[in-house]
Amino acid sequence: MFQEILIAILKVGLPVGLASYGLVWWALKKNYISEVDSVKSFELAVKKKKKDKKQKAEGDAVHRKWLAFGGGFYGVVGLLTYAVVELLEIRDFIQQLGGFVEMIRNFSFEVVVQLFVGAILNFVAAIAWPGYWVNEIHSNRIWIWFAVAYGAYWAGTRLALQKMHSENGSKD
């Protein structure tokens, strides 16, 4: 069990923690989300932002995608899942066509349609990320992986909040 926890920390905890830290820090730094003082208040601010149609257009593409996946923990893992699935899909697509040079040589409207359909299917897989990861993680203790992922999200978010408070505190 200890070995599985370590593997989960490396494979899930680090990416989720780093992504959470980066997304939260950037959202606060760019004022996409108003300053908050706890993980809970941050999540409430994200929910409020998702409901406000005028504010949805605000933010960069990554943050808009994060909100599209639900924001908060669900959105972080959804965004990471989307990135993983997209990269694997692109790699497989290029291999299927015989490599990058062959893909360029055979570029057509049909290729564009295939990529578009693939992107939609990947978006659906990312929204339903719990099912995707249950199938990908071969373990009898899947709860460990989800606990590590949530713990990493919480820690990354908390660290980003602390960093912003220290940055804002030093400006006064």
C-alpha atoms as a PDB file:
ATOM      1  CA  MET A   1       0.000   0.000   0.000  1.00  0.00           C
ATOM      2  CA  PHE A   2       2.864   2.400   0.827  1.00  0.00           C
ATOM      3  CA  GLN A   3       4.378   1.801  -2.602  1.00  0.00           C
ATOM      4  CA  GLU A   4       1.051   2.561  -4.284  1.00  0.00           C
ATOM      5  CA  ILE A   5       0.751   5.812  -2.329  1.00  0.00           C
ATOM      6  CA  LEU A   6       4.211   6.868  -3.512  1.00  0.00           C
ATOM      7  CA  ILE A   7       3.373   5.995  -7.116  1.00  0.00           C
ATOM      8  CA  ALA A   8       0.082   7.909  -6.849  1.00  0.00           C
ATOM      9  CA  ILE A   9       1.913  10.935  -5.446  1.00  0.00           C
ATOM     10  CA  LEU A  10       4.348  10.918  -8.372  1.00  0.00           C
ATOM     11  CA  LYS A  11       1.855  10.162 -11.147  1.00  0.00           C
ATOM     12  CA  VAL A  12      -1.181  12.086  -9.884  1.00  0.00           C
ATOM     13  CA  GLY A  13      -0.254  14.200  -6.898  1.00  0.00           C
ATOM     14  CA  LEU A  14       2.538  16.207  -8.494  1.00  0.00           C
ATOM     15  CA  PRO A  15       0.684  17.065 -11.722  1.00  0.00           C
ATOM     16  CA  VAL A  16      -2.564  17.928  -9.904  1.00  0.00           C
ATOM     17  CA  GLY A  17      -0.772  19.931  -7.209  1.00  0.00           C
ATOM     18  CA  LEU A  18       1.330  21.887  -9.691  1.00  0.00           C
ATOM     19  CA  ALA A  19      -1.625  22.534 -12.005  1.00  0.00           C
ATOM     20  CA  SER A  20      -3.786  23.651  -9.063  1.00  0.00           C
ATOM     21  CA  TYR A  21      -1.086  25.979  -7.800  1.00  0.00           C
ATOM     22  CA  GLY A  22      -0.526  27.452 -11.250  1.00  0.00           C
ATOM     23  CA  LEU A  23      -4.186  27.902 -12.123  1.00  0.00           C
ATOM     24  CA  VAL A  24      -5.147  29.408  -8.776  1.00  0.00           C
ATOM     25  CA  TRP A  25      -2.113  31.674  -8.550  1.00  0.00           C
ATOM     26  CA  TRP A  26      -2.627  32.932 -12.113  1.00  0.00           C
ATOM     27  CA  ALA A  27      -6.385  33.449 -11.585  1.00  0.00           C
ATOM     28  CA  LEU A  28      -5.681  35.546  -8.493  1.00  0.00           C
ATOM     29  CA  LYS A  29      -2.712  37.374 -10.019  1.00  0.00           C
ATOM     30  CA  LYS A  30      -4.732  38.392 -13.102  1.00  0.00           C
ATOM     31  CA  ASN A  31      -7.833  39.162 -10.992  1.00  0.00           C
ATOM     32  CA  TYR A  32      -9.926  36.548 -12.823  1.00  0.00           C
ATOM     33  CA  ILE A  33     -11.009  35.567  -9.309  1.00  0.00           C
ATOM     34  CA  SER A  34     -11.187  38.181  -6.567  1.00  0.00           C
ATOM     35  CA  GLU A  35      -8.884  37.747  -3.602  1.00  0.00           C
ATOM     36  CA  VAL A  36     -10.053  35.088  -1.180  1.00  0.00           C
ATOM     37  CA  ASP A  37      -8.635  33.717   2.049  1.00  0.00           C
ATOM     38  CA  SER A  38      -9.381  29.981   1.995  1.00  0.00           C
ATOM     39  CA  VAL A  39      -9.792  27.044  -0.358  1.00  0.00           C
ATOM     40  CA  LYS A  40     -13.519  27.011   0.398  1.00  0.00           C
ATOM     41  CA  SER A  41     -13.952  30.721  -0.381  1.00  0.00           C
ATOM     42  CA  PHE A  42     -11.904  30.237  -3.553  1.00  0.00           C
ATOM     43  CA  GLU A  43     -14.216  27.428  -4.689  1.00  0.00           C
ATOM     44  CA  LEU A  44     -17.264  29.593  -3.944  1.00  0.00           C
ATOM     45  CA  ALA A  45     -15.748  32.408  -6.034  1.00  0.00           C
ATOM     46  CA  VAL A  46     -15.163  29.952  -8.903  1.00  0.00           C
ATOM     47  CA  LYS A  47     -18.793  28.776  -8.732  1.00  0.00           C
ATOM     48  CA  LYS A  48     -19.997  32.373  -8.754  1.00  0.00           C
ATOM     49  CA  LYS A  49     -17.776  33.179 -11.745  1.00  0.00           C
ATOM     50  CA  LYS A  50     -19.107  30.169 -13.677  1.00  0.00           C
ATOM     51  CA  LYS A  51     -22.681  31.385 -13.155  1.00  0.00           C
ATOM     52  CA  ASP A  52     -21.959  34.957 -14.236  1.00  0.00           C
ATOM     53  CA  LYS A  53     -22.274  34.911 -18.042  1.00  0.00           C
ATOM     54  CA  LYS A  54     -20.523  38.276 -18.499  1.00  0.00           C
ATOM     55  CA  GLN A  55     -17.439  37.159 -16.596  1.00  0.00           C
ATOM     56  CA  LYS A  56     -17.119  33.874 -18.496  1.00  0.00           C
ATOM     57  CA  ALA A  57     -15.391  35.603 -21.402  1.00  0.00           C
ATOM     58  CA  GLU A  58     -12.799  37.018 -18.997  1.00  0.00           C
ATOM     59  CA  GLY A  59      -9.538  35.160 -18.591  1.00  0.00           C
ATOM     60  CA  ASP A  60      -7.162  33.350 -20.874  1.00  0.00           C
ATOM     61  CA  ALA A  61      -7.952  30.196 -22.827  1.00  0.00           C
ATOM     62  CA  VAL A  62      -6.629  27.857 -20.125  1.00  0.00           C
ATOM     63  CA  HIS A  63      -8.746  29.433 -17.398  1.00  0.00           C
ATOM     64  CA  ARG A  64     -11.836  29.464 -19.588  1.00  0.00           C
ATOM     65  CA  LYS A  65     -11.284  25.748 -20.305  1.00  0.00           C
ATOM     66  CA  TRP A  66     -10.762  25.102 -16.581  1.00  0.00           C
ATOM     67  CA  LEU A  67     -14.121  26.747 -15.858  1.00  0.00           C
ATOM     68  CA  ALA A  68     -15.688  24.791 -18.730  1.00  0.00           C
ATOM     69  CA  PHE A  69     -14.623  21.609 -16.931  1.00  0.00           C
ATOM     70  CA  GLY A  70     -16.248  22.830 -13.738  1.00  0.00           C
ATOM     71  CA  GLY A  71     -13.508  24.841 -12.040  1.00  0.00           C
ATOM     72  CA  GLY A  72     -12.102  23.801  -8.672  1.00  0.00           C
ATOM     73  CA  PHE A  73     -10.856  20.252  -8.168  1.00  0.00           C
ATOM     74  CA  TYR A  74     -13.130  18.725 -10.801  1.00  0.00           C
ATOM     75  CA  GLY A  75     -11.988  21.308 -13.331  1.00  0.00           C
ATOM     76  CA  VAL A  76      -8.272  20.865 -12.599  1.00  0.00           C
ATOM     77  CA  VAL A  77      -8.450  17.109 -13.087  1.00  0.00           C
ATOM     78  CA  GLY A  78     -10.726  17.567 -16.101  1.00  0.00           C
ATOM     79  CA  LEU A  79      -8.243  19.984 -17.673  1.00  0.00           C
ATOM     80  CA  LEU A  80      -5.318  17.634 -17.017  1.00  0.00           C
ATOM     81  CA  THR A  81      -7.327  14.691 -18.352  1.00  0.00           C
ATOM     82  CA  TYR A  82      -8.142  16.677 -21.493  1.00  0.00           C
ATOM     83  CA  ALA A  83      -4.453  17.471 -22.006  1.00  0.00           C
ATOM     84  CA  VAL A  84      -3.439  13.823 -21.548  1.00  0.00           C
ATOM     85  CA  VAL A  85      -6.185  12.476 -23.811  1.00  0.00           C
ATOM     86  CA  GLU A  86      -5.526  15.115 -26.497  1.00  0.00           C
ATOM     87  CA  LEU A  87      -1.786  14.484 -26.549  1.00  0.00           C
ATOM     88  CA  LEU A  88      -2.275  10.718 -26.749  1.00  0.00           C
ATOM     89  CA  GLU A  89      -4.880  11.183 -29.481  1.00  0.00           C
ATOM     90  CA  ILE A  90      -2.592  13.434 -31.517  1.00  0.00           C
ATOM     91  CA  ARG A  91       0.324  11.018 -31.125  1.00  0.00           C
ATOM     92  CA  ASP A  92      -1.833   8.058 -32.218  1.00  0.00           C
ATOM     93  CA  PHE A  93      -3.338  10.069 -35.083  1.00  0.00           C
ATOM     94  CA  ILE A  94       0.086  11.016 -36.447  1.00  0.00           C
ATOM     95  CA  GLN A  95       1.334   7.434 -36.102  1.00  0.00           C
ATOM     96  CA  GLN A  96      -1.777   6.111 -37.850  1.00  0.00           C
ATOM     97  CA  LEU A  97      -1.124   8.402 -40.813  1.00  0.00           C
ATOM     98  CA  GLY A  98       2.499   7.253 -41.075  1.00  0.00           C
ATOM     99  CA  GLY A  99       4.218  10.078 -39.242  1.00  0.00           C
ATOM    100  CA  PHE A 100       4.199  13.852 -39.200  1.00  0.00           C
ATOM    101  CA  VAL A 101       5.519  14.302 -42.747  1.00  0.00           C
ATOM    102  CA  GLU A 102       2.857  11.961 -44.156  1.00  0.00           C
ATOM    103  CA  MET A 103       0.166  13.764 -42.171  1.00  0.00           C
ATOM    104  CA  ILE A 104       1.235  17.084 -43.735  1.00  0.00           C
ATOM    105  CA  ARG A 105       1.396  15.488 -47.179  1.00  0.00           C
ATOM    106  CA  ASN A 106      -2.095  13.981 -46.830  1.00  0.00           C
ATOM    107  CA  PHE A 107      -3.685  16.969 -45.088  1.00  0.00           C
ATOM    108  CA  SER A 108      -7.287  17.356 -46.207  1.00  0.00           C
ATOM    109  CA  PHE A 109     -10.722  18.426 -45.065  1.00  0.00           C
ATOM    110  CA  GLU A 110     -11.298  14.846 -43.876  1.00  0.00           C
ATOM    111  CA  VAL A 111      -8.255  15.107 -41.593  1.00  0.00           C
ATOM    112  CA  VAL A 112      -9.607  18.361 -40.136  1.00  0.00           C
ATOM    113  CA  VAL A 113     -13.005  16.720 -39.521  1.00  0.00           C
ATOM    114  CA  GLN A 114     -11.329  13.732 -37.836  1.00  0.00           C
ATOM    115  CA  LEU A 115      -9.359  16.057 -35.561  1.00  0.00           C
ATOM    116  CA  PHE A 116     -12.492  18.066 -34.714  1.00  0.00           C
ATOM    117  CA  VAL A 117     -14.553  14.961 -33.902  1.00  0.00           C
ATOM    118  CA  GLY A 118     -11.656  13.603 -31.853  1.00  0.00           C
ATOM    119  CA  ALA A 119     -11.445  16.858 -29.891  1.00  0.00           C
ATOM    120  CA  ILE A 120     -15.164  16.689 -29.050  1.00  0.00           C
ATOM    121  CA  LEU A 121     -14.875  13.071 -27.916  1.00  0.00           C
ATOM    122  CA  ASN A 122     -11.807  13.965 -25.846  1.00  0.00           C
ATOM    123  CA  PHE A 123     -13.723  16.824 -24.225  1.00  0.00           C
ATOM    124  CA  VAL A 124     -16.475  14.392 -23.243  1.00  0.00           C
ATOM    125  CA  ALA A 125     -13.884  11.970 -21.830  1.00  0.00           C
ATOM    126  CA  ALA A 126     -12.354  14.809 -19.822  1.00  0.00           C
ATOM    127  CA  ILE A 127     -15.708  15.900 -18.407  1.00  0.00           C
ATOM    128  CA  ALA A 128     -16.310  12.306 -17.349  1.00  0.00           C
ATOM    129  CA  TRP A 129     -12.759  12.007 -15.994  1.00  0.00           C
ATOM    130  CA  PRO A 130     -13.584   9.759 -13.009  1.00  0.00           C
ATOM    131  CA  GLY A 131     -14.670   7.009 -15.399  1.00  0.00           C
ATOM    132  CA  TYR A 132     -11.663   7.590 -17.636  1.00  0.00           C
ATOM    133  CA  TRP A 133      -9.167   7.277 -14.788  1.00  0.00           C
ATOM    134  CA  VAL A 134     -10.891   4.291 -13.177  1.00  0.00           C
ATOM    135  CA  ASN A 135     -10.265   2.459 -16.461  1.00  0.00           C
ATOM    136  CA  GLU A 136      -6.672   3.728 -16.751  1.00  0.00           C
ATOM    137  CA  ILE A 137      -5.484   3.119 -13.189  1.00  0.00           C
ATOM    138  CA  HIS A 138      -5.259  -0.590 -12.618  1.00  0.00           C
ATOM    139  CA  SER A 139      -5.597  -0.815  -8.867  1.00  0.00           C
ATOM    140  CA  ASN A 140      -7.819  -2.368  -6.249  1.00  0.00           C
ATOM    141  CA  ARG A 141      -7.281   0.765  -4.184  1.00  0.00           C
ATOM    142  CA  ILE A 142      -8.533   3.451  -6.552  1.00  0.00           C
ATOM    143  CA  TRP A 143      -9.556   5.504  -3.515  1.00  0.00           C
ATOM    144  CA  ILE A 144      -5.845   6.123  -2.796  1.00  0.00           C
ATOM    145  CA  TRP A 145      -5.419   7.764  -6.197  1.00  0.00           C
ATOM    146  CA  PHE A 146      -8.482   9.980  -5.760  1.00  0.00           C
ATOM    147  CA  ALA A 147      -7.447  10.915  -2.195  1.00  0.00           C
ATOM    148  CA  VAL A 148      -3.939  11.822  -3.361  1.00  0.00           C
ATOM    149  CA  ALA A 149      -5.378  13.861  -6.248  1.00  0.00           C
ATOM    150  CA  TYR A 150      -7.717  15.813  -3.952  1.00  0.00           C
ATOM    151  CA  GLY A 151      -5.007  16.303  -1.335  1.00  0.00           C
ATOM    152  CA  ALA A 152      -2.664  17.633  -4.018  1.00  0.00           C
ATOM    153  CA  TYR A 153      -5.386  19.963  -5.317  1.00  0.00           C
ATOM    154  CA  TRP A 154      -6.034  21.285  -1.834  1.00  0.00           C
ATOM    155  CA  ALA A 155      -2.300  21.736  -1.085  1.00  0.00           C
ATOM    156  CA  GLY A 156      -1.609  23.445  -4.436  1.00  0.00           C
ATOM    157  CA  THR A 157      -4.579  25.767  -4.005  1.00  0.00           C
ATOM    158  CA  ARG A 158      -3.647  26.558  -0.412  1.00  0.00           C
ATOM    159  CA  LEU A 159      -0.025  27.329  -1.374  1.00  0.00           C
ATOM    160  CA  ALA A 160      -1.175  29.642  -4.174  1.00  0.00           C
ATOM    161  CA  LEU A 161      -3.494  31.476  -1.775  1.00  0.00           C
ATOM    162  CA  GLN A 162      -0.665  31.861   0.748  1.00  0.00           C
ATOM    163  CA  LYS A 163       1.698  33.124  -1.957  1.00  0.00           C
ATOM    164  CA  MET A 164      -0.799  35.766  -3.078  1.00  0.00           C
ATOM    165  CA  HIS A 165      -1.406  36.863   0.515  1.00  0.00           C
ATOM    166  CA  SER A 166       2.336  37.217   1.110  1.00  0.00           C
ATOM    167  CA  GLU A 167       2.790  39.123  -2.178  1.00  0.00           C
ATOM    168  CA  ASN A 168      -0.125  41.438  -1.407  1.00  0.00           C
ATOM    169  CA  GLY A 169       0.983  41.863   2.193  1.00  0.00           C
ATOM    170  CA  SER A 170       4.478  42.936   1.172  1.00  0.00           C
ATOM    171  CA  LYS A 171       3.087  45.683  -1.125  1.00  0.00           C
ATOM    172  CA  ASP A 172       1.340  47.552   1.690  1.00  0.00           C
END
